[in-house]
């Protein structure tokens, strides 16, 4: 019983974070997956979304917020690998949002894992979107 009393607070925090991660996944993952173009994983060249902004400051702020959101989803995805939730899918969405060298190859490698593309296409079908093009 002493063990539980010493670990009660950290376990409550971990449970709360796990629940928050699950809710964020349920809401955020379908939103991001359905907004990606269906040829996202098979394009030969990426469109730089920042080029569409006229204001450089707005572009910088948006880029920072997008990377912070991506980092949060990566952390939540790692947590969900050992707790309830869609860890790999959340991790993938977080990586899709972030900007870093080698991102395209990592995205394709993750999507080629068994069940990941199937899961992403299932989310797209539920939202009335066409499935991703086959790799």
C-alpha atoms as a PDB file:
ATOM      1  CA  UNK A   1       0.000   0.000   0.000  1.00  0.00           C
ATOM      2  CA  UNK A   2       2.898   2.369   0.672  1.00  0.00           C
ATOM      3  CA  UNK A   3       4.053   1.890  -2.921  1.00  0.00           C
ATOM      4  CA  UNK A   4       0.698   3.098  -4.231  1.00  0.00           C
ATOM      5  CA  UNK A   5       0.611   6.101  -1.935  1.00  0.00           C
ATOM      6  CA  UNK A   6       4.079   7.185  -3.124  1.00  0.00           C
ATOM      7  CA  UNK A   7       3.123   6.845  -6.790  1.00  0.00           C
ATOM      8  CA  UNK A   8      -0.484   8.043  -6.597  1.00  0.00           C
ATOM      9  CA  UNK A   9       0.164  11.569  -7.903  1.00  0.00           C
ATOM     10  CA  UNK A  10       2.397  10.541 -10.871  1.00  0.00           C
ATOM     11  CA  UNK A  11      -0.067   7.797 -11.808  1.00  0.00           C
ATOM     12  CA  UNK A  12      -2.955  10.276 -11.745  1.00  0.00           C
ATOM     13  CA  UNK A  13      -0.993  12.672 -13.968  1.00  0.00           C
ATOM     14  CA  UNK A  14      -0.074   9.864 -16.376  1.00  0.00           C
ATOM     15  CA  UNK A  15      -3.701   8.737 -16.538  1.00  0.00           C
ATOM     16  CA  UNK A  16      -4.875  12.288 -17.172  1.00  0.00           C
ATOM     17  CA  UNK A  17      -2.297  12.805 -19.924  1.00  0.00           C
ATOM     18  CA  UNK A  18      -3.271   9.501 -21.501  1.00  0.00           C
ATOM     19  CA  UNK A  19      -6.935  10.529 -21.509  1.00  0.00           C
ATOM     20  CA  UNK A  20      -6.035  13.932 -22.966  1.00  0.00           C
ATOM     21  CA  UNK A  21      -3.942  12.246 -25.659  1.00  0.00           C
ATOM     22  CA  UNK A  22      -6.819   9.929 -26.534  1.00  0.00           C
ATOM     23  CA  UNK A  23      -9.246  12.847 -26.866  1.00  0.00           C
ATOM     24  CA  UNK A  24      -6.736  14.858 -28.927  1.00  0.00           C
ATOM     25  CA  UNK A  25      -6.286  11.864 -31.210  1.00  0.00           C
ATOM     26  CA  UNK A  26     -10.011  11.312 -31.685  1.00  0.00           C
ATOM     27  CA  UNK A  27     -10.491  14.955 -32.651  1.00  0.00           C
ATOM     28  CA  UNK A  28      -7.207  15.904 -34.307  1.00  0.00           C
ATOM     29  CA  UNK A  29      -6.217  12.910 -36.399  1.00  0.00           C
ATOM     30  CA  UNK A  30      -9.341  12.757 -38.595  1.00  0.00           C
ATOM     31  CA  UNK A  31      -9.164  16.545 -39.055  1.00  0.00           C
ATOM     32  CA  UNK A  32      -5.568  16.428 -40.326  1.00  0.00           C
ATOM     33  CA  UNK A  33      -5.896  13.221 -42.380  1.00  0.00           C
ATOM     34  CA  UNK A  34      -8.946  14.465 -44.284  1.00  0.00           C
ATOM     35  CA  UNK A  35      -7.252  17.746 -45.179  1.00  0.00           C
ATOM     36  CA  UNK A  36      -4.253  16.104 -46.844  1.00  0.00           C
ATOM     37  CA  UNK A  37      -4.510  15.751 -50.631  1.00  0.00           C
ATOM     38  CA  UNK A  38      -5.077  12.182 -51.803  1.00  0.00           C
ATOM     39  CA  UNK A  39      -1.737  12.181 -53.653  1.00  0.00           C
ATOM     40  CA  UNK A  40       0.212  13.442 -50.616  1.00  0.00           C
ATOM     41  CA  UNK A  41       2.415  10.340 -50.313  1.00  0.00           C
ATOM     42  CA  UNK A  42       3.086   9.817 -54.026  1.00  0.00           C
ATOM     43  CA  UNK A  43       3.965  13.347 -55.174  1.00  0.00           C
ATOM     44  CA  UNK A  44       7.404  13.753 -56.680  1.00  0.00           C
ATOM     45  CA  UNK A  45       7.669  17.317 -55.348  1.00  0.00           C
ATOM     46  CA  UNK A  46       6.239  18.985 -52.266  1.00  0.00           C
ATOM     47  CA  UNK A  47       4.357  22.269 -52.471  1.00  0.00           C
ATOM     48  CA  UNK A  48       5.816  24.735 -50.003  1.00  0.00           C
ATOM     49  CA  UNK A  49       2.760  26.047 -48.172  1.00  0.00           C
ATOM     50  CA  UNK A  50       4.655  29.037 -46.752  1.00  0.00           C
ATOM     51  CA  UNK A  51       5.040  30.426 -50.272  1.00  0.00           C
ATOM     52  CA  UNK A  52       1.309  31.219 -50.290  1.00  0.00           C
ATOM     53  CA  UNK A  53       1.687  33.761 -47.452  1.00  0.00           C
ATOM     54  CA  UNK A  54       2.310  37.398 -48.380  1.00  0.00           C
ATOM     55  CA  UNK A  55       3.349  38.415 -44.854  1.00  0.00           C
ATOM     56  CA  UNK A  56       6.683  36.886 -43.730  1.00  0.00           C
ATOM     57  CA  UNK A  57       5.895  37.434 -40.033  1.00  0.00           C
ATOM     58  CA  UNK A  58       2.581  35.602 -40.360  1.00  0.00           C
ATOM     59  CA  UNK A  59       4.382  32.806 -42.204  1.00  0.00           C
ATOM     60  CA  UNK A  60       6.965  32.518 -39.420  1.00  0.00           C
ATOM     61  CA  UNK A  61       4.338  32.481 -36.653  1.00  0.00           C
ATOM     62  CA  UNK A  62       2.214  29.928 -38.505  1.00  0.00           C
ATOM     63  CA  UNK A  63       5.253  27.743 -39.132  1.00  0.00           C
ATOM     64  CA  UNK A  64       6.237  27.850 -35.456  1.00  0.00           C
ATOM     65  CA  UNK A  65       2.702  26.988 -34.315  1.00  0.00           C
ATOM     66  CA  UNK A  66       2.493  24.146 -36.836  1.00  0.00           C
ATOM     67  CA  UNK A  67       5.826  22.709 -35.641  1.00  0.00           C
ATOM     68  CA  UNK A  68       4.810  23.017 -31.977  1.00  0.00           C
ATOM     69  CA  UNK A  69       1.516  21.238 -32.675  1.00  0.00           C
ATOM     70  CA  UNK A  70       3.441  18.553 -34.561  1.00  0.00           C
ATOM     71  CA  UNK A  71       5.852  18.128 -31.662  1.00  0.00           C
ATOM     72  CA  UNK A  72       2.940  17.824 -29.223  1.00  0.00           C
ATOM     73  CA  UNK A  73       1.354  15.120 -31.390  1.00  0.00           C
ATOM     74  CA  UNK A  74       4.679  13.254 -31.644  1.00  0.00           C
ATOM     75  CA  UNK A  75       4.998  13.260 -27.856  1.00  0.00           C
ATOM     76  CA  UNK A  76       1.367  12.163 -27.444  1.00  0.00           C
ATOM     77  CA  UNK A  77       1.916   9.442 -30.061  1.00  0.00           C
ATOM     78  CA  UNK A  78       4.934   8.141 -28.161  1.00  0.00           C
ATOM     79  CA  UNK A  79       2.886   8.106 -24.952  1.00  0.00           C
ATOM     80  CA  UNK A  80       0.083   6.243 -26.719  1.00  0.00           C
ATOM     81  CA  UNK A  81       2.475   3.543 -27.854  1.00  0.00           C
ATOM     82  CA  UNK A  82       2.380   2.302 -24.255  1.00  0.00           C
ATOM     83  CA  UNK A  83      -1.085   3.579 -23.224  1.00  0.00           C
ATOM     84  CA  UNK A  84      -4.534   3.382 -24.873  1.00  0.00           C
ATOM     85  CA  UNK A  85      -4.816   5.279 -28.139  1.00  0.00           C
ATOM     86  CA  UNK A  86      -3.671   5.311 -31.750  1.00  0.00           C
ATOM     87  CA  UNK A  87       0.029   5.871 -31.083  1.00  0.00           C
ATOM     88  CA  UNK A  88       1.464   5.228 -34.538  1.00  0.00           C
ATOM     89  CA  UNK A  89      -1.217   7.227 -36.350  1.00  0.00           C
ATOM     90  CA  UNK A  90      -0.830  10.174 -33.949  1.00  0.00           C
ATOM     91  CA  UNK A  91       2.936   9.985 -34.294  1.00  0.00           C
ATOM     92  CA  UNK A  92       2.585  10.018 -38.083  1.00  0.00           C
ATOM     93  CA  UNK A  93       0.269  13.048 -38.028  1.00  0.00           C
ATOM     94  CA  UNK A  94       2.683  14.912 -35.746  1.00  0.00           C
ATOM     95  CA  UNK A  95       5.581  14.152 -38.076  1.00  0.00           C
ATOM     96  CA  UNK A  96       3.523  15.285 -41.071  1.00  0.00           C
ATOM     97  CA  UNK A  97       3.026  18.678 -39.435  1.00  0.00           C
ATOM     98  CA  UNK A  98       6.665  19.243 -38.535  1.00  0.00           C
ATOM     99  CA  UNK A  99       9.454  20.451 -40.850  1.00  0.00           C
ATOM    100  CA  UNK A 100      12.824  18.662 -40.743  1.00  0.00           C
ATOM    101  CA  UNK A 101      15.347  17.144 -43.184  1.00  0.00           C
ATOM    102  CA  UNK A 102      14.435  13.648 -44.381  1.00  0.00           C
ATOM    103  CA  UNK A 103      10.775  14.089 -43.477  1.00  0.00           C
ATOM    104  CA  UNK A 104       9.475  12.795 -46.827  1.00  0.00           C
ATOM    105  CA  UNK A 105      11.359   9.490 -46.575  1.00  0.00           C
ATOM    106  CA  UNK A 106      10.263   8.995 -42.965  1.00  0.00           C
ATOM    107  CA  UNK A 107       6.611   9.686 -43.864  1.00  0.00           C
ATOM    108  CA  UNK A 108       6.674   7.137 -46.656  1.00  0.00           C
ATOM    109  CA  UNK A 109       8.410   4.548 -44.453  1.00  0.00           C
ATOM    110  CA  UNK A 110       5.778   4.982 -41.728  1.00  0.00           C
ATOM    111  CA  UNK A 111       2.860   4.840 -44.162  1.00  0.00           C
ATOM    112  CA  UNK A 112       4.209   1.600 -45.622  1.00  0.00           C
ATOM    113  CA  UNK A 113       4.019  -0.103 -42.182  1.00  0.00           C
ATOM    114  CA  UNK A 114       1.306  -2.769 -42.079  1.00  0.00           C
ATOM    115  CA  UNK A 115      -2.092  -1.296 -41.338  1.00  0.00           C
ATOM    116  CA  UNK A 116      -1.090   2.388 -41.268  1.00  0.00           C
ATOM    117  CA  UNK A 117      -2.240   3.273 -44.800  1.00  0.00           C
ATOM    118  CA  UNK A 118      -5.324   1.127 -44.292  1.00  0.00           C
ATOM    119  CA  UNK A 119      -6.128   3.035 -41.083  1.00  0.00           C
ATOM    120  CA  UNK A 120      -5.563   6.419 -42.723  1.00  0.00           C
ATOM    121  CA  UNK A 121      -7.805   5.497 -45.653  1.00  0.00           C
ATOM    122  CA  UNK A 122     -10.482   4.235 -43.253  1.00  0.00           C
ATOM    123  CA  UNK A 123     -10.471   7.680 -41.577  1.00  0.00           C
ATOM    124  CA  UNK A 124     -10.729   9.385 -44.967  1.00  0.00           C
ATOM    125  CA  UNK A 125     -13.672   7.187 -46.034  1.00  0.00           C
ATOM    126  CA  UNK A 126     -15.519   7.987 -42.801  1.00  0.00           C
ATOM    127  CA  UNK A 127     -15.147  11.695 -43.576  1.00  0.00           C
ATOM    128  CA  UNK A 128     -16.289  11.283 -47.202  1.00  0.00           C
ATOM    129  CA  UNK A 129     -12.817  11.720 -48.741  1.00  0.00           C
ATOM    130  CA  UNK A 130     -11.165   9.611 -51.418  1.00  0.00           C
ATOM    131  CA  UNK A 131      -8.449   7.213 -50.158  1.00  0.00           C
ATOM    132  CA  UNK A 132      -4.778   8.092 -50.519  1.00  0.00           C
ATOM    133  CA  UNK A 133      -3.184   7.062 -53.799  1.00  0.00           C
ATOM    134  CA  UNK A 134      -1.283   3.762 -53.544  1.00  0.00           C
ATOM    135  CA  UNK A 135       2.459   3.996 -53.007  1.00  0.00           C
END
